[in-house]
PDB file of N, CA and C in Angstrom:
ATOM      1  N   UNK A   1       0.843  -1.182   0.000  1.00  0.00           N
ATOM      2  CA  UNK A   1       0.000   0.000   0.000  1.00  0.00           C
ATOM      3  C   UNK A   1       0.885   1.240   0.000  1.00  0.00           C
ATOM      4  N   UNK A   2       0.633   2.131  -0.887  1.00  0.00           N
ATOM      5  CA  UNK A   2       1.395   3.370  -0.968  1.00  0.00           C
ATOM      6  C   UNK A   2       0.753   4.430  -0.084  1.00  0.00           C
ATOM      7  N   UNK A   3       1.557   5.157   0.622  1.00  0.00           N
ATOM      8  CA  UNK A   3       1.065   6.221   1.478  1.00  0.00           C
ATOM      9  C   UNK A   3       1.343   7.566   0.820  1.00  0.00           C
ATOM     10  N   UNK A   4       0.485   8.564   1.059  1.00  0.00           N
ATOM     11  CA  UNK A   4       0.744   9.871   0.456  1.00  0.00           C
ATOM     12  C   UNK A   4       2.023  10.496   1.005  1.00  0.00           C
ATOM     13  N   UNK A   5       2.683  11.245   0.173  1.00  0.00           N
ATOM     14  CA  UNK A   5       3.933  11.886   0.563  1.00  0.00           C
ATOM     15  C   UNK A   5       3.698  13.221   1.251  1.00  0.00           C
ATOM     16  N   UNK A   6       2.480  13.539   1.544  1.00  0.00           N
ATOM     17  CA  UNK A   6       2.152  14.801   2.196  1.00  0.00           C
ATOM     18  C   UNK A   6       1.280  14.534   3.416  1.00  0.00           C
ATOM     19  N   UNK A   7       1.210  15.495   4.288  1.00  0.00           N
ATOM     20  CA  UNK A   7       0.458  15.356   5.527  1.00  0.00           C
ATOM     21  C   UNK A   7      -1.025  15.575   5.262  1.00  0.00           C
ATOM     22  N   UNK A   8      -1.852  14.588   5.589  1.00  0.00           N
ATOM     23  CA  UNK A   8      -3.298  14.693   5.390  1.00  0.00           C
ATOM     24  C   UNK A   8      -4.054  14.829   6.699  1.00  0.00           C
ATOM     25  N   UNK A   9      -3.351  15.041   7.807  1.00  0.00           N
ATOM     26  CA  UNK A   9      -4.006  15.119   9.114  1.00  0.00           C
ATOM     27  C   UNK A   9      -5.003  16.255   9.222  1.00  0.00           C
ATOM     28  N   UNK A  10      -4.786  17.361   8.533  1.00  0.00           N
ATOM     29  CA  UNK A  10      -5.679  18.507   8.635  1.00  0.00           C
ATOM     30  C   UNK A  10      -6.868  18.455   7.700  1.00  0.00           C
ATOM     31  N   UNK A  11      -6.919  17.472   6.827  1.00  0.00           N
ATOM     32  CA  UNK A  11      -8.038  17.380   5.888  1.00  0.00           C
ATOM     33  C   UNK A  11      -9.308  16.979   6.610  1.00  0.00           C
ATOM     34  N   UNK A  12     -10.409  17.581   6.224  1.00  0.00           N
ATOM     35  CA  UNK A  12     -11.692  17.220   6.814  1.00  0.00           C
ATOM     36  C   UNK A  12     -12.719  17.085   5.705  1.00  0.00           C
ATOM     37  N   UNK A  13     -13.824  16.435   6.017  1.00  0.00           N
ATOM     38  CA  UNK A  13     -14.893  16.281   5.044  1.00  0.00           C
ATOM     39  C   UNK A  13     -14.626  15.186   4.033  1.00  0.00           C
ATOM     40  N   UNK A  14     -13.853  14.202   4.423  1.00  0.00           N
ATOM     41  CA  UNK A  14     -13.548  13.110   3.508  1.00  0.00           C
ATOM     42  C   UNK A  14     -14.817  12.375   3.120  1.00  0.00           C
ATOM     43  N   UNK A  15     -14.913  11.984   1.860  1.00  0.00           N
ATOM     44  CA  UNK A  15     -16.079  11.263   1.368  1.00  0.00           C
ATOM     45  C   UNK A  15     -15.948   9.768   1.569  1.00  0.00           C
ATOM     46  N   UNK A  16     -14.811   9.298   2.047  1.00  0.00           N
ATOM     47  CA  UNK A  16     -14.604   7.876   2.244  1.00  0.00           C
ATOM     48  C   UNK A  16     -14.546   7.554   3.722  1.00  0.00           C
ATOM     49  N   UNK A  17     -14.965   6.345   4.055  1.00  0.00           N
ATOM     50  CA  UNK A  17     -14.898   5.893   5.432  1.00  0.00           C
ATOM     51  C   UNK A  17     -13.454   5.533   5.758  1.00  0.00           C
ATOM     52  N   UNK A  18     -13.161   5.318   7.014  1.00  0.00           N
ATOM     53  CA  UNK A  18     -11.803   4.967   7.417  1.00  0.00           C
ATOM     54  C   UNK A  18     -11.352   3.653   6.794  1.00  0.00           C
ATOM     55  N   UNK A  19     -12.286   2.780   6.467  1.00  0.00           N
ATOM     56  CA  UNK A  19     -11.953   1.491   5.874  1.00  0.00           C
ATOM     57  C   UNK A  19     -11.761   1.537   4.375  1.00  0.00           C
ATOM     58  N   UNK A  20     -12.002   2.679   3.755  1.00  0.00           N
ATOM     59  CA  UNK A  20     -11.846   2.806   2.304  1.00  0.00           C
ATOM     60  C   UNK A  20     -13.135   3.254   1.654  1.00  0.00           C
ATOM     61  N   UNK A  21     -13.193   3.216   0.336  1.00  0.00           N
ATOM     62  CA  UNK A  21     -14.384   3.678  -0.365  1.00  0.00           C
ATOM     63  C   UNK A  21     -15.570   2.734  -0.151  1.00  0.00           C
ATOM     64  N   UNK A  22     -16.769   3.274  -0.243  1.00  0.00           N
ATOM     65  CA  UNK A  22     -17.982   2.458  -0.154  1.00  0.00           C
ATOM     66  C   UNK A  22     -18.349   2.041  -1.569  1.00  0.00           C
ATOM     67  N   UNK A  23     -18.578   0.755  -1.759  1.00  0.00           N
ATOM     68  CA  UNK A  23     -18.958   0.236  -3.075  1.00  0.00           C
ATOM     69  C   UNK A  23     -20.307  -0.460  -2.989  1.00  0.00           C
ATOM     70  N   UNK A  24     -21.024  -0.449  -4.081  1.00  0.00           N
ATOM     71  CA  UNK A  24     -22.353  -1.056  -4.155  1.00  0.00           C
ATOM     72  C   UNK A  24     -22.229  -2.569  -4.021  1.00  0.00           C
ATOM     73  N   UNK A  25     -23.027  -3.162  -3.140  1.00  0.00           N
ATOM     74  CA  UNK A  25     -22.965  -4.606  -2.930  1.00  0.00           C
ATOM     75  C   UNK A  25     -23.551  -5.379  -4.113  1.00  0.00           C
ATOM     76  N   UNK A  26     -24.387  -4.747  -4.923  1.00  0.00           N
ATOM     77  CA  UNK A  26     -25.011  -5.427  -6.057  1.00  0.00           C
ATOM     78  C   UNK A  26     -24.140  -5.422  -7.308  1.00  0.00           C
ATOM     79  N   UNK A  27     -23.508  -4.276  -7.609  1.00  0.00           N
ATOM     80  CA  UNK A  27     -22.776  -4.174  -8.878  1.00  0.00           C
ATOM     81  C   UNK A  27     -21.309  -3.815  -8.723  1.00  0.00           C
ATOM     82  N   UNK A  28     -20.873  -3.437  -7.530  1.00  0.00           N
ATOM     83  CA  UNK A  28     -19.468  -3.138  -7.298  1.00  0.00           C
ATOM     84  C   UNK A  28     -19.040  -1.722  -7.626  1.00  0.00           C
ATOM     85  N   UNK A  29     -19.964  -0.879  -8.058  1.00  0.00           N
ATOM     86  CA  UNK A  29     -19.629   0.509  -8.386  1.00  0.00           C
ATOM     87  C   UNK A  29     -19.270   1.283  -7.120  1.00  0.00           C
ATOM     88  N   UNK A  30     -18.370   2.227  -7.272  1.00  0.00           N
ATOM     89  CA  UNK A  30     -17.992   3.100  -6.160  1.00  0.00           C
ATOM     90  C   UNK A  30     -19.122   4.088  -5.909  1.00  0.00           C
ATOM     91  N   UNK A  31     -19.428   4.333  -4.643  1.00  0.00           N
ATOM     92  CA  UNK A  31     -20.507   5.238  -4.263  1.00  0.00           C
ATOM     93  C   UNK A  31     -19.936   6.516  -3.674  1.00  0.00           C
ATOM     94  N   UNK A  32     -20.694   7.604  -3.799  1.00  0.00           N
ATOM     95  CA  UNK A  32     -20.281   8.878  -3.208  1.00  0.00           C
ATOM     96  C   UNK A  32     -21.257   9.247  -2.103  1.00  0.00           C
ATOM     97  N   UNK A  33     -20.733   9.905  -1.073  1.00  0.00           N
ATOM     98  CA  UNK A  33     -21.557  10.258   0.083  1.00  0.00           C
ATOM     99  C   UNK A  33     -22.523  11.380  -0.267  1.00  0.00           C
ATOM    100  N   UNK A  34     -23.751  11.239   0.162  1.00  0.00           N
ATOM    101  CA  UNK A  34     -24.785  12.265  -0.020  1.00  0.00           C
ATOM    102  C   UNK A  34     -25.312  12.626   1.362  1.00  0.00           C
ATOM    103  N   UNK A  35     -24.695  13.613   1.989  1.00  0.00           N
ATOM    104  CA  UNK A  35     -25.036  13.979   3.365  1.00  0.00           C
ATOM    105  C   UNK A  35     -26.493  14.411   3.499  1.00  0.00           C
ATOM    106  N   UNK A  36     -27.024  15.098   2.490  1.00  0.00           N
ATOM    107  CA  UNK A  36     -28.405  15.573   2.571  1.00  0.00           C
ATOM    108  C   UNK A  36     -29.412  14.428   2.542  1.00  0.00           C
ATOM    109  N   UNK A  37     -29.023  13.271   2.007  1.00  0.00           N
ATOM    110  CA  UNK A  37     -29.902  12.101   1.965  1.00  0.00           C
ATOM    111  C   UNK A  37     -29.533  11.077   3.029  1.00  0.00           C
ATOM    112  N   UNK A  38     -28.500  11.379   3.813  1.00  0.00           N
ATOM    113  CA  UNK A  38     -28.020  10.483   4.857  1.00  0.00           C
ATOM    114  C   UNK A  38     -27.703   9.096   4.296  1.00  0.00           C
ATOM    115  N   UNK A  39     -26.942   9.077   3.210  1.00  0.00           N
ATOM    116  CA  UNK A  39     -26.576   7.809   2.597  1.00  0.00           C
ATOM    117  C   UNK A  39     -25.551   7.987   1.496  1.00  0.00           C
ATOM    118  N   UNK A  40     -25.470   7.011   0.607  1.00  0.00           N
ATOM    119  CA  UNK A  40     -24.492   6.968  -0.468  1.00  0.00           C
ATOM    120  C   UNK A  40     -25.207   6.757  -1.792  1.00  0.00           C
ATOM    121  N   UNK A  41     -24.695   7.377  -2.848  1.00  0.00           N
ATOM    122  CA  UNK A  41     -25.301   7.269  -4.178  1.00  0.00           C
ATOM    123  C   UNK A  41     -24.259   6.848  -5.205  1.00  0.00           C
ATOM    124  N   UNK A  42     -24.743   6.252  -6.291  1.00  0.00           N
ATOM    125  CA  UNK A  42     -23.855   5.959  -7.413  1.00  0.00           C
ATOM    126  C   UNK A  42     -23.323   7.270  -7.958  1.00  0.00           C
ATOM    127  N   UNK A  43     -22.070   7.278  -8.404  1.00  0.00           N
ATOM    128  CA  UNK A  43     -21.468   8.469  -8.972  1.00  0.00           C
ATOM    129  C   UNK A  43     -22.107   8.757 -10.317  1.00  0.00           C
ATOM    130  N   UNK A  44     -22.659   9.937 -10.469  1.00  0.00           N
ATOM    131  CA  UNK A  44     -23.249  10.406 -11.719  1.00  0.00           C
ATOM    132  C   UNK A  44     -24.266   9.437 -12.330  1.00  0.00           C
ATOM    133  N   UNK A  45     -25.328   9.077 -11.582  1.00  0.00           N
ATOM    134  CA  UNK A  45     -26.328   8.176 -12.161  1.00  0.00           C
ATOM    135  C   UNK A  45     -27.095   8.864 -13.282  1.00  0.00           C
ATOM    136  N   UNK A  46     -27.408   8.112 -14.318  1.00  0.00           N
ATOM    137  CA  UNK A  46     -28.127   8.661 -15.474  1.00  0.00           C
ATOM    138  C   UNK A  46     -29.307   7.754 -15.809  1.00  0.00           C
ATOM    139  N   UNK A  47     -30.464   8.064 -15.285  1.00  0.00           N
ATOM    140  CA  UNK A  47     -31.710   7.335 -15.587  1.00  0.00           C
ATOM    141  C   UNK A  47     -31.535   5.827 -15.509  1.00  0.00           C
ATOM    142  N   UNK A  48     -31.137   5.329 -14.332  1.00  0.00           N
ATOM    143  CA  UNK A  48     -31.012   3.898 -14.140  1.00  0.00           C
ATOM    144  C   UNK A  48     -29.688   3.315 -14.582  1.00  0.00           C
ATOM    145  N   UNK A  49     -28.761   4.156 -14.994  1.00  0.00           N
ATOM    146  CA  UNK A  49     -27.438   3.676 -15.420  1.00  0.00           C
ATOM    147  C   UNK A  49     -26.371   4.276 -14.521  1.00  0.00           C
ATOM    148  N   UNK A  50     -25.291   3.539 -14.342  1.00  0.00           N
ATOM    149  CA  UNK A  50     -24.191   4.038 -13.519  1.00  0.00           C
ATOM    150  C   UNK A  50     -23.252   4.893 -14.365  1.00  0.00           C
ATOM    151  N   UNK A  51     -22.158   5.337 -13.785  1.00  0.00           N
ATOM    152  CA  UNK A  51     -21.224   6.224 -14.487  1.00  0.00           C
ATOM    153  C   UNK A  51     -20.587   5.566 -15.704  1.00  0.00           C
ATOM    154  N   UNK A  52     -20.537   4.239 -15.725  1.00  0.00           N
ATOM    155  CA  UNK A  52     -19.977   3.519 -16.875  1.00  0.00           C
ATOM    156  C   UNK A  52     -21.003   3.328 -17.985  1.00  0.00           C
ATOM    157  N   UNK A  53     -22.275   3.631 -17.687  1.00  0.00           N
ATOM    158  CA  UNK A  53     -23.334   3.455 -18.664  1.00  0.00           C
ATOM    159  C   UNK A  53     -24.053   2.126 -18.549  1.00  0.00           C
ATOM    160  N   UNK A  54     -23.668   1.315 -17.551  1.00  0.00           N
ATOM    161  CA  UNK A  54     -24.307   0.016 -17.347  1.00  0.00           C
ATOM    162  C   UNK A  54     -25.672   0.211 -16.703  1.00  0.00           C
ATOM    163  N   UNK A  55     -26.636  -0.574 -17.119  1.00  0.00           N
ATOM    164  CA  UNK A  55     -27.971  -0.522 -16.540  1.00  0.00           C
ATOM    165  C   UNK A  55     -27.983  -1.345 -15.257  1.00  0.00           C
ATOM    166  N   UNK A  56     -28.146  -0.671 -14.127  1.00  0.00           N
ATOM    167  CA  UNK A  56     -28.209  -1.351 -12.833  1.00  0.00           C
ATOM    168  C   UNK A  56     -29.467  -0.901 -12.105  1.00  0.00           C
ATOM    169  N   UNK A  57     -30.126  -1.837 -11.460  1.00  0.00           N
ATOM    170  CA  UNK A  57     -31.417  -1.539 -10.828  1.00  0.00           C
ATOM    171  C   UNK A  57     -31.306  -0.571  -9.663  1.00  0.00           C
ATOM    172  N   UNK A  58     -30.131  -0.468  -9.050  1.00  0.00           N
ATOM    173  CA  UNK A  58     -29.984   0.366  -7.856  1.00  0.00           C
ATOM    174  C   UNK A  58     -29.283   1.698  -8.143  1.00  0.00           C
ATOM    175  N   UNK A  59     -29.111   2.066  -9.397  1.00  0.00           N
ATOM    176  CA  UNK A  59     -28.344   3.270  -9.747  1.00  0.00           C
ATOM    177  C   UNK A  59     -28.934   4.544  -9.150  1.00  0.00           C
ATOM    178  N   UNK A  60     -30.230   4.620  -9.027  1.00  0.00           N
ATOM    179  CA  UNK A  60     -30.869   5.834  -8.513  1.00  0.00           C
ATOM    180  C   UNK A  60     -31.286   5.718  -7.048  1.00  0.00           C
ATOM    181  N   UNK A  61     -30.918   4.620  -6.387  1.00  0.00           N
ATOM    182  CA  UNK A  61     -31.312   4.393  -5.002  1.00  0.00           C
ATOM    183  C   UNK A  61     -30.245   4.887  -4.027  1.00  0.00           C
ATOM    184  N   UNK A  62     -30.675   5.272  -2.840  1.00  0.00           N
ATOM    185  CA  UNK A  62     -29.764   5.634  -1.756  1.00  0.00           C
ATOM    186  C   UNK A  62     -29.262   4.328  -1.141  1.00  0.00           C
ATOM    187  N   UNK A  63     -27.967   4.269  -0.823  1.00  0.00           N
ATOM    188  CA  UNK A  63     -27.350   3.089  -0.233  1.00  0.00           C
ATOM    189  C   UNK A  63     -26.888   3.395   1.188  1.00  0.00           C
ATOM    190  N   UNK A  64     -26.744   2.339   2.000  1.00  0.00           N
ATOM    191  CA  UNK A  64     -26.197   2.529   3.340  1.00  0.00           C
ATOM    192  C   UNK A  64     -24.670   2.460   3.269  1.00  0.00           C
ATOM    193  N   UNK A  65     -24.002   2.596   4.390  1.00  0.00           N
ATOM    194  CA  UNK A  65     -22.542   2.634   4.433  1.00  0.00           C
ATOM    195  C   UNK A  65     -21.908   1.293   4.095  1.00  0.00           C
ATOM    196  N   UNK A  66     -22.704   0.240   4.008  1.00  0.00           N
ATOM    197  CA  UNK A  66     -22.191  -1.072   3.620  1.00  0.00           C
ATOM    198  C   UNK A  66     -22.429  -1.367   2.152  1.00  0.00           C
ATOM    199  N   UNK A  67     -23.073  -0.400   1.442  1.00  0.00           N
ATOM    200  CA  UNK A  67     -23.298  -0.555   0.005  1.00  0.00           C
ATOM    201  C   UNK A  67     -24.602  -1.198  -0.372  1.00  0.00           C
ATOM    202  N   UNK A  68     -25.500  -1.387   0.575  1.00  0.00           N
ATOM    203  CA  UNK A  68     -26.803  -1.999   0.303  1.00  0.00           C
ATOM    204  C   UNK A  68     -27.824  -0.918  -0.041  1.00  0.00           C
ATOM    205  N   UNK A  69     -28.572  -1.118  -1.111  1.00  0.00           N
ATOM    206  CA  UNK A  69     -29.597  -0.151  -1.522  1.00  0.00           C
ATOM    207  C   UNK A  69     -30.719  -0.135  -0.488  1.00  0.00           C
ATOM    208  N   UNK A  70     -31.170   1.071  -0.169  1.00  0.00           N
ATOM    209  CA  UNK A  70     -32.271   1.243   0.786  1.00  0.00           C
ATOM    210  C   UNK A  70     -33.544   1.534   0.018  1.00  0.00           C
ATOM    211  N   UNK A  71     -34.645   1.002   0.487  1.00  0.00           N
ATOM    212  CA  UNK A  71     -35.918   1.319  -0.166  1.00  0.00           C
ATOM    213  C   UNK A  71     -36.417   2.646   0.361  1.00  0.00           C
ATOM    214  N   UNK A  72     -36.980   3.436  -0.504  1.00  0.00           N
ATOM    215  CA  UNK A  72     -37.464   4.772  -0.106  1.00  0.00           C
ATOM    216  C   UNK A  72     -38.856   4.727   0.401  1.00  0.00           C
TER     217      UNK A  72
END
């Protein structure tokens, strides 16, 4: 594992958990934190598709910190 060559102790507001990035348990896509929704979303969802353009059923759903889609 490579460590950054600069000091990151003063950084705040990280979008990743201490264990690393949150990924979708269904499709493996990386999720981004959505504080206003109290959860995680697919990066740049486009009408049921993820950022790669793949059609995934959970692309527009809010996910928990373990990557599981939550029902609204």
